[in-house]
PDB file of N, CA and C in Angstrom:
ATOM      1  N   MET A   1     110.666 107.613  75.333  1.00  0.00           N
ATOM      2  CA  MET A   1     110.228 109.118  75.140  1.00  0.00           C
ATOM      3  C   MET A   1     111.312 109.954  74.637  1.00  0.00           C
ATOM      4  N   PRO A   2     111.110 110.972  73.823  1.00  0.00           N
ATOM      5  CA  PRO A   2     112.040 111.878  73.476  1.00  0.00           C
ATOM      6  C   PRO A   2     112.510 112.706  74.625  1.00  0.00           C
ATOM      7  N   GLY A   3     113.631 113.295  74.496  1.00  0.00           N
ATOM      8  CA  GLY A   3     114.181 114.273  75.644  1.00  0.00           C
ATOM      9  C   GLY A   3     113.449 115.500  75.571  1.00  0.00           C
ATOM     10  N   PRO A   4     113.895 116.530  76.411  1.00  0.00           N
ATOM     11  CA  PRO A   4     113.359 117.838  76.344  1.00  0.00           C
ATOM     12  C   PRO A   4     113.508 118.555  75.165  1.00  0.00           C
ATOM     13  N   PRO A   5     112.769 119.509  74.780  1.00  0.00           N
ATOM     14  CA  PRO A   5     113.037 120.241  73.599  1.00  0.00           C
ATOM     15  C   PRO A   5     114.242 121.097  73.599  1.00  0.00           C
ATOM     16  N   GLU A   6     114.855 121.246  72.548  1.00  0.00           N
ATOM     17  CA  GLU A   6     115.873 122.354  72.402  1.00  0.00           C
ATOM     18  C   GLU A   6     115.281 123.592  72.430  1.00  0.00           C
ATOM     19  N   SER A   7     116.079 124.737  72.897  1.00  0.00           N
ATOM     20  CA  SER A   7     115.689 125.992  72.619  1.00  0.00           C
ATOM     21  C   SER A   7     114.976 126.422  71.305  1.00  0.00           C
ATOM     22  N   GLY A   8     113.995 127.025  71.518  1.00  0.00           N
ATOM     23  CA  GLY A   8     113.199 127.506  70.478  1.00  0.00           C
ATOM     24  C   GLY A   8     112.258 126.363  69.788  1.00  0.00           C
ATOM     25  N   THR A   9     112.081 125.288  70.560  1.00  0.00           N
ATOM     26  CA  THR A   9     111.285 124.129  69.787  1.00  0.00           C
ATOM     27  C   THR A   9     109.853 124.653  69.692  1.00  0.00           C
ATOM     28  N   VAL A  10     109.233 124.271  68.670  1.00  0.00           N
ATOM     29  CA  VAL A  10     107.775 124.458  68.506  1.00  0.00           C
ATOM     30  C   VAL A  10     106.953 123.334  68.978  1.00  0.00           C
ATOM     31  N   HIS A  11     106.048 123.544  69.808  1.00  0.00           N
ATOM     32  CA  HIS A  11     105.079 122.550  70.366  1.00  0.00           C
ATOM     33  C   HIS A  11     103.792 123.047  70.268  1.00  0.00           C
ATOM     34  N   ASN A  12     102.987 122.157  69.419  1.00  0.00           N
ATOM     35  CA  ASN A  12     101.507 122.450  69.307  1.00  0.00           C
ATOM     36  C   ASN A  12     101.496 123.850  68.457  1.00  0.00           C
ATOM     37  N   ARG A  13     102.548 124.063  67.677  1.00  0.00           N
ATOM     38  CA  ARG A  13     102.656 125.266  66.878  1.00  0.00           C
ATOM     39  C   ARG A  13     102.924 126.531  67.575  1.00  0.00           C
ATOM     40  N   VAL A  14     103.232 126.418  68.805  1.00  0.00           N
ATOM     41  CA  VAL A  14     103.651 127.590  69.496  1.00  0.00           C
ATOM     42  C   VAL A  14     105.026 127.392  69.959  1.00  0.00           C
ATOM     43  N   ASN A  15     105.942 128.426  69.966  1.00  0.00           N
ATOM     44  CA  ASN A  15     107.221 128.452  70.529  1.00  0.00           C
ATOM     45  C   ASN A  15     107.123 128.405  71.948  1.00  0.00           C
ATOM     46  N   ILE A  16     107.404 127.286  72.602  1.00  0.00           N
ATOM     47  CA  ILE A  16     107.224 127.181  74.057  1.00  0.00           C
ATOM     48  C   ILE A  16     108.176 128.167  74.887  1.00  0.00           C
ATOM     49  N   ARG A  17     109.389 128.488  74.448  1.00  0.00           N
ATOM     50  CA  ARG A  17     110.360 128.979  75.111  1.00  0.00           C
ATOM     51  C   ARG A  17     110.231 130.575  74.861  1.00  0.00           C
ATOM     52  N   THR A  18     109.352 130.991  73.968  1.00  0.00           N
ATOM     53  CA  THR A  18     109.307 132.496  73.781  1.00  0.00           C
ATOM     54  C   THR A  18     107.855 133.113  73.981  1.00  0.00           C
ATOM     55  N   VAL A  19     106.868 132.418  74.538  1.00  0.00           N
ATOM     56  CA  VAL A  19     105.535 132.867  74.875  1.00  0.00           C
ATOM     57  C   VAL A  19     105.673 134.183  75.696  1.00  0.00           C
ATOM     58  N   ALA A  20     104.905 135.280  75.350  1.00  0.00           N
ATOM     59  CA  ALA A  20     105.308 136.494  75.825  1.00  0.00           C
ATOM     60  C   ALA A  20     104.991 136.436  77.268  1.00  0.00           C
ATOM     61  N   PRO A  21     105.989 137.008  78.263  1.00  0.00           N
ATOM     62  CA  PRO A  21     105.785 137.118  79.652  1.00  0.00           C
ATOM     63  C   PRO A  21     104.616 137.713  80.053  1.00  0.00           C
ATOM     64  N   ALA A  22     103.823 137.025  81.066  1.00  0.00           N
ATOM     65  CA  ALA A  22     102.606 137.827  81.609  1.00  0.00           C
ATOM     66  C   ALA A  22     103.153 138.716  82.759  1.00  0.00           C
ATOM     67  N   PRO A  23     102.616 139.894  82.836  1.00  0.00           N
ATOM     68  CA  PRO A  23     102.994 140.835  83.899  1.00  0.00           C
ATOM     69  C   PRO A  23     102.604 140.167  85.310  1.00  0.00           C
ATOM     70  N   PRO A  24     103.229 140.506  86.473  1.00  0.00           N
ATOM     71  CA  PRO A  24     102.644 140.191  87.672  1.00  0.00           C
ATOM     72  C   PRO A  24     101.349 140.623  87.912  1.00  0.00           C
ATOM     73  N   GLY A  25     100.522 139.934  88.444  1.00  0.00           N
ATOM     74  CA  GLY A  25      99.161 140.190  88.668  1.00  0.00           C
ATOM     75  C   GLY A  25      98.119 139.783  87.686  1.00  0.00           C
ATOM     76  N   THR A  26      98.704 139.281  86.452  1.00  0.00           N
ATOM     77  CA  THR A  26      97.777 138.720  85.487  1.00  0.00           C
ATOM     78  C   THR A  26      96.918 137.598  86.075  1.00  0.00           C
ATOM     79  N   ILE A  27      95.638 137.731  85.895  1.00  0.00           N
ATOM     80  CA  ILE A  27      94.795 136.723  86.351  1.00  0.00           C
ATOM     81  C   ILE A  27      94.090 135.686  85.281  1.00  0.00           C
ATOM     82  N   LEU A  28      94.230 134.342  85.518  1.00  0.00           N
ATOM     83  CA  LEU A  28      93.687 133.327  84.521  1.00  0.00           C
ATOM     84  C   LEU A  28      92.885 132.495  85.386  1.00  0.00           C
ATOM     85  N   GLN A  29      91.740 132.084  84.863  1.00  0.00           N
ATOM     86  CA  GLN A  29      90.813 131.198  85.568  1.00  0.00           C
ATOM     87  C   GLN A  29      90.343 130.135  84.534  1.00  0.00           C
ATOM     88  N   GLY A  30      90.097 129.062  85.224  1.00  0.00           N
ATOM     89  CA  GLY A  30      89.445 127.877  84.496  1.00  0.00           C
ATOM     90  C   GLY A  30      89.675 126.534  85.285  1.00  0.00           C
ATOM     91  N   PRO A  31      89.140 125.500  84.458  1.00  0.00           N
ATOM     92  CA  PRO A  31      89.454 124.035  85.286  1.00  0.00           C
ATOM     93  C   PRO A  31      90.876 123.503  85.253  1.00  0.00           C
ATOM     94  N   ALA A  32      91.098 123.007  86.299  1.00  0.00           N
ATOM     95  CA  ALA A  32      92.473 122.364  86.522  1.00  0.00           C
ATOM     96  C   ALA A  32      92.422 120.972  87.027  1.00  0.00           C
ATOM     97  N   THR A  33      93.214 120.084  86.435  1.00  0.00           N
ATOM     98  CA  THR A  33      93.396 118.723  86.960  1.00  0.00           C
ATOM     99  C   THR A  33      94.684 118.506  87.529  1.00  0.00           C
ATOM    100  N   TRP A  34      95.049 117.335  87.630  1.00  0.00           N
ATOM    101  CA  TRP A  34      96.384 117.020  88.217  1.00  0.00           C
ATOM    102  C   TRP A  34      96.969 115.739  87.399  1.00  0.00           C
ATOM    103  N   TYR A  35      98.412 115.661  87.537  1.00  0.00           N
ATOM    104  CA  TYR A  35      99.134 114.675  86.844  1.00  0.00           C
ATOM    105  C   TYR A  35     100.128 114.267  87.963  1.00  0.00           C
ATOM    106  N   GLY A  36     100.419 112.912  87.846  1.00  0.00           N
ATOM    107  CA  GLY A  36     101.464 112.528  89.073  1.00  0.00           C
ATOM    108  C   GLY A  36     102.215 111.527  88.504  1.00  0.00           C
ATOM    109  N   GLU A  37     102.295 110.312  89.360  1.00  0.00           N
ATOM    110  CA  GLU A  37     103.193 109.217  89.265  1.00  0.00           C
ATOM    111  C   GLU A  37     103.463 108.707  87.983  1.00  0.00           C
ATOM    112  N   ASP A  38     102.493 108.590  86.981  1.00  0.00           N
ATOM    113  CA  ASP A  38     102.479 108.096  85.701  1.00  0.00           C
ATOM    114  C   ASP A  38     103.758 108.894  84.899  1.00  0.00           C
ATOM    115  N   PHE A  39     103.806 110.173  85.360  1.00  0.00           N
ATOM    116  CA  PHE A  39     104.655 111.115  84.513  1.00  0.00           C
ATOM    117  C   PHE A  39     106.023 111.479  85.201  1.00  0.00           C
ATOM    118  N   ALA A  40     106.179 110.876  86.389  1.00  0.00           N
ATOM    119  CA  ALA A  40     107.409 110.995  87.282  1.00  0.00           C
ATOM    120  C   ALA A  40     108.554 110.587  86.568  1.00  0.00           C
ATOM    121  N   GLY A  41     109.433 111.366  86.333  1.00  0.00           N
ATOM    122  CA  GLY A  41     110.934 111.272  85.661  1.00  0.00           C
ATOM    123  C   GLY A  41     110.897 111.677  84.222  1.00  0.00           C
ATOM    124  N   ARG A  42     109.693 111.934  83.681  1.00  0.00           N
ATOM    125  CA  ARG A  42     109.703 112.291  82.209  1.00  0.00           C
ATOM    126  C   ARG A  42     110.224 113.644  82.028  1.00  0.00           C
ATOM    127  N   GLY A  43     110.623 113.894  81.054  1.00  0.00           N
ATOM    128  CA  GLY A  43     110.998 115.357  80.626  1.00  0.00           C
ATOM    129  C   GLY A  43     109.771 116.319  80.544  1.00  0.00           C
ATOM    130  N   THR A  44     110.006 117.556  80.800  1.00  0.00           N
ATOM    131  CA  THR A  44     109.104 118.491  80.685  1.00  0.00           C
ATOM    132  C   THR A  44     109.364 119.413  79.389  1.00  0.00           C
ATOM    133  N   ALA A  45     108.276 120.188  78.952  1.00  0.00           N
ATOM    134  CA  ALA A  45     108.453 120.922  77.664  1.00  0.00           C
ATOM    135  C   ALA A  45     109.463 122.013  78.087  1.00  0.00           C
ATOM    136  N   CYS A  46     109.720 122.411  79.410  1.00  0.00           N
ATOM    137  CA  CYS A  46     110.594 123.443  79.663  1.00  0.00           C
ATOM    138  C   CYS A  46     112.067 123.032  79.936  1.00  0.00           C
ATOM    139  N   GLY A  47     112.222 121.644  79.658  1.00  0.00           N
ATOM    140  CA  GLY A  47     113.644 121.286  79.844  1.00  0.00           C
ATOM    141  C   GLY A  47     113.956 120.682  81.112  1.00  0.00           C
ATOM    142  N   GLY A  48     112.904 120.408  82.139  1.00  0.00           N
ATOM    143  CA  GLY A  48     113.215 119.811  83.373  1.00  0.00           C
ATOM    144  C   GLY A  48     112.752 118.495  83.397  1.00  0.00           C
ATOM    145  N   ILE A  49     112.801 117.834  84.623  1.00  0.00           N
ATOM    146  CA  ILE A  49     112.301 116.487  84.938  1.00  0.00           C
ATOM    147  C   ILE A  49     111.234 116.588  85.694  1.00  0.00           C
ATOM    148  N   PHE A  50     109.918 116.074  85.371  1.00  0.00           N
ATOM    149  CA  PHE A  50     108.737 116.074  86.131  1.00  0.00           C
ATOM    150  C   PHE A  50     108.706 115.337  87.479  1.00  0.00           C
ATOM    151  N   ASP A  51     108.472 116.031  88.585  1.00  0.00           N
ATOM    152  CA  ASP A  51     108.432 115.388  89.931  1.00  0.00           C
ATOM    153  C   ASP A  51     107.098 115.813  90.455  1.00  0.00           C
ATOM    154  N   PRO A  52     106.036 114.718  90.631  1.00  0.00           N
ATOM    155  CA  PRO A  52     104.746 115.095  91.112  1.00  0.00           C
ATOM    156  C   PRO A  52     104.807 115.772  92.589  1.00  0.00           C
ATOM    157  N   ASP A  53     105.914 115.587  93.313  1.00  0.00           N
ATOM    158  CA  ASP A  53     105.864 116.169  94.602  1.00  0.00           C
ATOM    159  C   ASP A  53     106.367 117.456  94.670  1.00  0.00           C
ATOM    160  N   GLU A  54     106.891 118.295  93.564  1.00  0.00           N
ATOM    161  CA  GLU A  54     107.119 119.562  93.513  1.00  0.00           C
ATOM    162  C   GLU A  54     105.868 120.228  93.061  1.00  0.00           C
ATOM    163  N   LEU A  55     105.750 121.492  93.450  1.00  0.00           N
ATOM    164  CA  LEU A  55     104.766 122.628  93.315  1.00  0.00           C
ATOM    165  C   LEU A  55     104.885 123.113  91.799  1.00  0.00           C
ATOM    166  N   THR A  56     104.296 122.547  90.873  1.00  0.00           N
ATOM    167  CA  THR A  56     104.473 123.016  89.538  1.00  0.00           C
ATOM    168  C   THR A  56     103.082 122.808  88.767  1.00  0.00           C
ATOM    169  N   LEU A  57     103.138 123.415  87.465  1.00  0.00           N
ATOM    170  CA  LEU A  57     101.846 123.176  86.679  1.00  0.00           C
ATOM    171  C   LEU A  57     102.263 123.260  85.223  1.00  0.00           C
ATOM    172  N   ALA A  58     101.397 122.806  84.510  1.00  0.00           N
ATOM    173  CA  ALA A  58     101.503 122.803  82.924  1.00  0.00           C
ATOM    174  C   ALA A  58     100.400 123.650  82.562  1.00  0.00           C
ATOM    175  N   THR A  59     100.697 124.630  81.618  1.00  0.00           N
ATOM    176  CA  THR A  59      99.727 125.503  80.901  1.00  0.00           C
ATOM    177  C   THR A  59     100.263 125.876  79.453  1.00  0.00           C
ATOM    178  N   ARG A  60      99.213 126.205  78.664  1.00  0.00           N
ATOM    179  CA  ARG A  60      99.653 126.606  77.356  1.00  0.00           C
ATOM    180  C   ARG A  60      99.687 128.256  77.272  1.00  0.00           C
ATOM    181  N   GLU A  61      99.519 128.895  78.546  1.00  0.00           N
ATOM    182  CA  GLU A  61      99.449 130.382  78.254  1.00  0.00           C
ATOM    183  C   GLU A  61     100.551 131.093  79.009  1.00  0.00           C
ATOM    184  N   LEU A  62     101.277 130.375  79.869  1.00  0.00           N
ATOM    185  CA  LEU A  62     102.450 131.212  80.552  1.00  0.00           C
ATOM    186  C   LEU A  62     103.630 130.584  80.190  1.00  0.00           C
ATOM    187  N   ARG A  63     104.826 131.533  80.239  1.00  0.00           N
ATOM    188  CA  ARG A  63     106.155 131.190  79.762  1.00  0.00           C
ATOM    189  C   ARG A  63     106.791 130.376  80.885  1.00  0.00           C
ATOM    190  N   CYS A  64     107.554 129.368  80.330  1.00  0.00           N
ATOM    191  CA  CYS A  64     108.287 128.551  81.308  1.00  0.00           C
ATOM    192  C   CYS A  64     109.000 129.331  82.446  1.00  0.00           C
ATOM    193  N   GLY A  65     108.922 128.801  83.671  1.00  0.00           N
ATOM    194  CA  GLY A  65     109.425 129.542  84.744  1.00  0.00           C
ATOM    195  C   GLY A  65     108.627 130.512  85.462  1.00  0.00           C
ATOM    196  N   THR A  66     107.453 130.834  84.893  1.00  0.00           N
ATOM    197  CA  THR A  66     106.657 131.902  85.598  1.00  0.00           C
ATOM    198  C   THR A  66     106.084 131.344  86.854  1.00  0.00           C
ATOM    199  N   ARG A  67     106.139 132.183  87.877  1.00  0.00           N
ATOM    200  CA  ARG A  67     105.682 131.853  89.120  1.00  0.00           C
ATOM    201  C   ARG A  67     104.194 132.395  89.336  1.00  0.00           C
ATOM    202  N   VAL A  68     103.490 131.445  89.942  1.00  0.00           N
ATOM    203  CA  VAL A  68     102.015 131.867  90.159  1.00  0.00           C
ATOM    204  C   VAL A  68     101.561 131.587  91.377  1.00  0.00           C
ATOM    205  N   ARG A  69     100.430 132.059  91.868  1.00  0.00           N
ATOM    206  CA  ARG A  69      99.640 131.672  92.946  1.00  0.00           C
ATOM    207  C   ARG A  69      98.450 130.930  92.429  1.00  0.00           C
ATOM    208  N   VAL A  70      98.058 129.809  92.906  1.00  0.00           N
ATOM    209  CA  VAL A  70      96.962 129.021  92.465  1.00  0.00           C
ATOM    210  C   VAL A  70      95.924 129.013  93.627  1.00  0.00           C
ATOM    211  N   THR A  71      94.629 129.467  93.403  1.00  0.00           N
ATOM    212  CA  THR A  71      93.733 129.525  94.288  1.00  0.00           C
ATOM    213  C   THR A  71      92.504 128.479  94.046  1.00  0.00           C
ATOM    214  N   GLY A  72      92.143 127.651  94.995  1.00  0.00           N
ATOM    215  CA  GLY A  72      90.992 126.691  94.685  1.00  0.00           C
ATOM    216  C   GLY A  72      89.884 127.178  95.116  1.00  0.00           C
ATOM    217  N   PRO A  73      88.778 126.366  94.934  1.00  0.00           N
ATOM    218  CA  PRO A  73      87.291 126.945  95.331  1.00  0.00           C
ATOM    219  C   PRO A  73      87.078 127.147  96.658  1.00  0.00           C
ATOM    220  N   SER A  74      87.887 126.555  97.649  1.00  0.00           N
ATOM    221  CA  SER A  74      87.625 126.691  99.216  1.00  0.00           C
ATOM    222  C   SER A  74      88.586 127.992  99.544  1.00  0.00           C
ATOM    223  N   GLY A  75      89.286 128.586  98.808  1.00  0.00           N
ATOM    224  CA  GLY A  75      90.096 129.695  99.219  1.00  0.00           C
ATOM    225  C   GLY A  75      91.589 129.286  99.476  1.00  0.00           C
ATOM    226  N   ALA A  76      91.896 127.988  99.500  1.00  0.00           N
ATOM    227  CA  ALA A  76      93.316 127.628  99.832  1.00  0.00           C
ATOM    228  C   ALA A  76      94.164 127.984  98.541  1.00  0.00           C
ATOM    229  N   THR A  77      95.311 128.237  98.770  1.00  0.00           N
ATOM    230  CA  THR A  77      96.280 128.677  97.968  1.00  0.00           C
ATOM    231  C   THR A  77      97.664 127.958  98.021  1.00  0.00           C
ATOM    232  N   VAL A  78      98.427 127.987  96.856  1.00  0.00           N
ATOM    233  CA  VAL A  78      99.676 127.431  96.764  1.00  0.00           C
ATOM    234  C   VAL A  78     100.343 128.272  95.818  1.00  0.00           C
ATOM    235  N   GLU A  79     101.658 128.333  96.062  1.00  0.00           N
ATOM    236  CA  GLU A  79     102.704 128.911  94.969  1.00  0.00           C
ATOM    237  C   GLU A  79     103.148 127.863  94.206  1.00  0.00           C
ATOM    238  N   ALA A  80     103.187 127.962  92.721  1.00  0.00           N
ATOM    239  CA  ALA A  80     103.886 127.042  91.871  1.00  0.00           C
ATOM    240  C   ALA A  80     104.592 127.785  90.866  1.00  0.00           C
ATOM    241  N   VAL A  81     105.270 126.977  90.030  1.00  0.00           N
ATOM    242  CA  VAL A  81     106.015 127.482  88.791  1.00  0.00           C
ATOM    243  C   VAL A  81     105.457 126.646  87.733  1.00  0.00           C
ATOM    244  N   ALA A  82     105.421 127.451  86.457  1.00  0.00           N
ATOM    245  CA  ALA A  82     105.160 126.799  85.155  1.00  0.00           C
ATOM    246  C   ALA A  82     106.478 126.017  84.632  1.00  0.00           C
ATOM    247  N   THR A  83     106.175 124.754  84.562  1.00  0.00           N
ATOM    248  CA  THR A  83     107.397 123.904  84.063  1.00  0.00           C
ATOM    249  C   THR A  83     107.058 122.976  82.927  1.00  0.00           C
ATOM    250  N   ASP A  84     105.884 123.116  82.250  1.00  0.00           N
ATOM    251  CA  ASP A  84     105.303 122.189  81.411  1.00  0.00           C
ATOM    252  C   ASP A  84     104.362 122.820  80.574  1.00  0.00           C
ATOM    253  N   TRP A  85     104.162 122.206  79.380  1.00  0.00           N
ATOM    254  CA  TRP A  85     103.032 122.696  78.404  1.00  0.00           C
ATOM    255  C   TRP A  85     101.966 121.786  78.321  1.00  0.00           C
ATOM    256  N   GLY A  86     100.706 122.198  78.606  1.00  0.00           N
ATOM    257  CA  GLY A  86      99.527 121.461  78.478  1.00  0.00           C
ATOM    258  C   GLY A  86      98.334 122.142  79.209  1.00  0.00           C
ATOM    259  N   PRO A  87      97.343 121.581  79.598  1.00  0.00           N
ATOM    260  CA  PRO A  87      96.875 120.181  79.125  1.00  0.00           C
ATOM    261  C   PRO A  87      96.501 120.182  77.729  1.00  0.00           C
ATOM    262  N   ALA A  88      96.184 119.047  77.130  1.00  0.00           N
ATOM    263  CA  ALA A  88      95.956 119.130  75.524  1.00  0.00           C
ATOM    264  C   ALA A  88      94.368 119.728  75.494  1.00  0.00           C
ATOM    265  N   GLU A  89      94.452 120.522  74.522  1.00  0.00           N
ATOM    266  CA  GLU A  89      93.200 121.422  74.214  1.00  0.00           C
ATOM    267  C   GLU A  89      91.955 120.471  74.277  1.00  0.00           C
ATOM    268  N   TRP A  90      92.001 119.534  73.646  1.00  0.00           N
ATOM    269  CA  TRP A  90      90.699 118.668  73.504  1.00  0.00           C
ATOM    270  C   TRP A  90      90.164 118.247  74.969  1.00  0.00           C
ATOM    271  N   THR A  91      91.008 118.326  75.970  1.00  0.00           N
ATOM    272  CA  THR A  91      90.363 118.083  77.348  1.00  0.00           C
ATOM    273  C   THR A  91      89.429 119.058  77.971  1.00  0.00           C
ATOM    274  N   GLY A  92      89.478 120.229  77.380  1.00  0.00           N
ATOM    275  CA  GLY A  92      88.646 121.362  77.854  1.00  0.00           C
ATOM    276  C   GLY A  92      89.224 121.991  79.175  1.00  0.00           C
ATOM    277  N   ARG A  93      90.252 121.410  79.622  1.00  0.00           N
ATOM    278  CA  ARG A  93      91.062 121.949  80.899  1.00  0.00           C
ATOM    279  C   ARG A  93      91.878 123.053  80.512  1.00  0.00           C
ATOM    280  N   ARG A  94      92.168 124.077  81.431  1.00  0.00           N
ATOM    281  CA  ARG A  94      93.186 125.026  81.270  1.00  0.00           C
ATOM    282  C   ARG A  94      94.605 124.839  81.791  1.00  0.00           C
ATOM    283  N   PHE A  95      94.579 124.110  82.920  1.00  0.00           N
ATOM    284  CA  PHE A  95      95.782 123.796  83.758  1.00  0.00           C
ATOM    285  C   PHE A  95      95.900 122.437  84.190  1.00  0.00           C
ATOM    286  N   ASP A  96      97.128 121.904  84.284  1.00  0.00           N
ATOM    287  CA  ASP A  96      97.518 120.735  84.861  1.00  0.00           C
ATOM    288  C   ASP A  96      98.290 120.882  86.058  1.00  0.00           C
ATOM    289  N   LEU A  97      97.981 120.693  87.258  1.00  0.00           N
ATOM    290  CA  LEU A  97      98.873 120.995  88.334  1.00  0.00           C
ATOM    291  C   LEU A  97      99.450 119.554  88.881  1.00  0.00           C
ATOM    292  N   SER A  98     100.716 119.708  89.288  1.00  0.00           N
ATOM    293  CA  SER A  98     101.416 118.454  89.832  1.00  0.00           C
ATOM    294  C   SER A  98     100.507 118.016  90.966  1.00  0.00           C
ATOM    295  N   ALA A  99     100.763 116.786  91.265  1.00  0.00           N
ATOM    296  CA  ALA A  99      99.714 116.066  92.308  1.00  0.00           C
ATOM    297  C   ALA A  99      99.870 116.881  93.688  1.00  0.00           C
ATOM    298  N   ALA A 100     101.325 117.347  94.037  1.00  0.00           N
ATOM    299  CA  ALA A 100     101.474 118.080  95.446  1.00  0.00           C
ATOM    300  C   ALA A 100     100.712 119.571  95.108  1.00  0.00           C
ATOM    301  N   ALA A 101     100.671 120.222  94.083  1.00  0.00           N
ATOM    302  CA  ALA A 101     100.063 121.418  94.045  1.00  0.00           C
ATOM    303  C   ALA A 101      98.652 121.402  94.017  1.00  0.00           C
ATOM    304  N   PHE A 102      97.966 120.303  93.338  1.00  0.00           N
ATOM    305  CA  PHE A 102      96.590 120.044  93.538  1.00  0.00           C
ATOM    306  C   PHE A 102      96.051 119.650  94.890  1.00  0.00           C
ATOM    307  N   ALA A 103      96.941 118.887  95.587  1.00  0.00           N
ATOM    308  CA  ALA A 103      96.481 118.604  97.009  1.00  0.00           C
ATOM    309  C   ALA A 103      96.419 119.678  97.916  1.00  0.00           C
ATOM    310  N   ALA A 104      97.187 120.609  97.495  1.00  0.00           N
ATOM    311  CA  ALA A 104      97.390 121.573  98.418  1.00  0.00           C
ATOM    312  C   ALA A 104      95.999 122.609  98.347  1.00  0.00           C
ATOM    313  N   ILE A 105      95.249 122.398  97.386  1.00  0.00           N
ATOM    314  CA  ILE A 105      94.105 123.326  97.149  1.00  0.00           C
ATOM    315  C   ILE A 105      92.736 122.762  97.047  1.00  0.00           C
ATOM    316  N   ALA A 106      92.940 121.279  96.712  1.00  0.00           N
ATOM    317  CA  ALA A 106      91.660 120.515  96.756  1.00  0.00           C
ATOM    318  C   ALA A 106      91.968 119.022  96.953  1.00  0.00           C
ATOM    319  N   HIS A 107      91.009 118.232  97.184  1.00  0.00           N
ATOM    320  CA  HIS A 107      91.205 116.933  97.285  1.00  0.00           C
ATOM    321  C   HIS A 107      91.456 116.106  95.963  1.00  0.00           C
ATOM    322  N   PRO A 108      92.730 115.403  95.666  1.00  0.00           N
ATOM    323  CA  PRO A 108      92.762 114.840  94.341  1.00  0.00           C
ATOM    324  C   PRO A 108      91.784 113.907  93.944  1.00  0.00           C
ATOM    325  N   GLY A 109      90.784 113.506  94.834  1.00  0.00           N
ATOM    326  CA  GLY A 109      89.800 112.652  94.403  1.00  0.00           C
ATOM    327  C   GLY A 109      88.637 113.361  93.655  1.00  0.00           C
ATOM    328  N   VAL A 110      88.562 114.669  93.656  1.00  0.00           N
ATOM    329  CA  VAL A 110      87.593 115.435  92.878  1.00  0.00           C
ATOM    330  C   VAL A 110      87.981 115.525  91.409  1.00  0.00           C
ATOM    331  N   GLY A 111      89.327 115.308  90.993  1.00  0.00           N
ATOM    332  CA  GLY A 111      89.809 115.140  89.810  1.00  0.00           C
ATOM    333  C   GLY A 111      89.992 116.482  89.094  1.00  0.00           C
ATOM    334  N   VAL A 112      88.907 117.076  88.910  1.00  0.00           N
ATOM    335  CA  VAL A 112      88.962 118.534  88.346  1.00  0.00           C
ATOM    336  C   VAL A 112      88.337 119.562  89.166  1.00  0.00           C
ATOM    337  N   THR A 113      88.951 120.864  89.353  1.00  0.00           N
ATOM    338  CA  THR A 113      88.460 121.791  90.123  1.00  0.00           C
ATOM    339  C   THR A 113      88.689 123.283  89.313  1.00  0.00           C
ATOM    340  N   PRO A 114      87.653 124.098  89.680  1.00  0.00           N
ATOM    341  CA  PRO A 114      88.175 125.652  89.252  1.00  0.00           C
ATOM    342  C   PRO A 114      89.117 126.153  90.002  1.00  0.00           C
ATOM    343  N   VAL A 115      90.110 126.866  89.258  1.00  0.00           N
ATOM    344  CA  VAL A 115      91.092 127.552  89.932  1.00  0.00           C
ATOM    345  C   VAL A 115      91.139 128.976  89.413  1.00  0.00           C
ATOM    346  N   THR A 116      91.882 129.830  90.193  1.00  0.00           N
ATOM    347  CA  THR A 116      92.286 131.061  89.747  1.00  0.00           C
ATOM    348  C   THR A 116      93.814 131.166  89.875  1.00  0.00           C
ATOM    349  N   ILE A 117      94.462 131.549  88.889  1.00  0.00           N
ATOM    350  CA  ILE A 117      95.989 131.597  88.603  1.00  0.00           C
ATOM    351  C   ILE A 117      96.340 133.168  88.754  1.00  0.00           C
ATOM    352  N   GLU A 118      97.175 133.472  89.590  1.00  0.00           N
ATOM    353  CA  GLU A 118      97.743 134.838  89.466  1.00  0.00           C
ATOM    354  C   GLU A 118      99.399 134.913  89.369  1.00  0.00           C
ATOM    355  N   THR A 119      99.715 135.723  88.364  1.00  0.00           N
ATOM    356  CA  THR A 119     101.223 135.604  88.075  1.00  0.00           C
ATOM    357  C   THR A 119     101.883 136.395  89.159  1.00  0.00           C
ATOM    358  N   LEU A 120     102.996 136.182  89.623  1.00  0.00           N
ATOM    359  CA  LEU A 120     103.802 136.655  90.684  1.00  0.00           C
ATOM    360  C   LEU A 120     105.072 137.343  90.293  1.00  0.00           C
TER     361      LEU A 120
END
């Protein structure tokens, strides 16, 4: 697998390092899923190494390093940081949460859950 992208790398026709920053309080909503052990140790689009036990998410809409509060359908919340680019558009999902972040807001067995993301 190729290593993390160099600064200014274009991924899916978008410069992943220069997505416009979202101001605090920006609200995004949509379906989220999770990714875990199969991706552990792989490079992320933001230049780190994915750890499913860390509180992270992948999104096509927020700049690398953006801190967010994720709220699940039960009202449970978790704070996470954007560290990767995804999910693939064809999935119809808006966010991929790390296994730990997803488990904090919903049972992983549900697979996909609606979430509200607020930038911090």
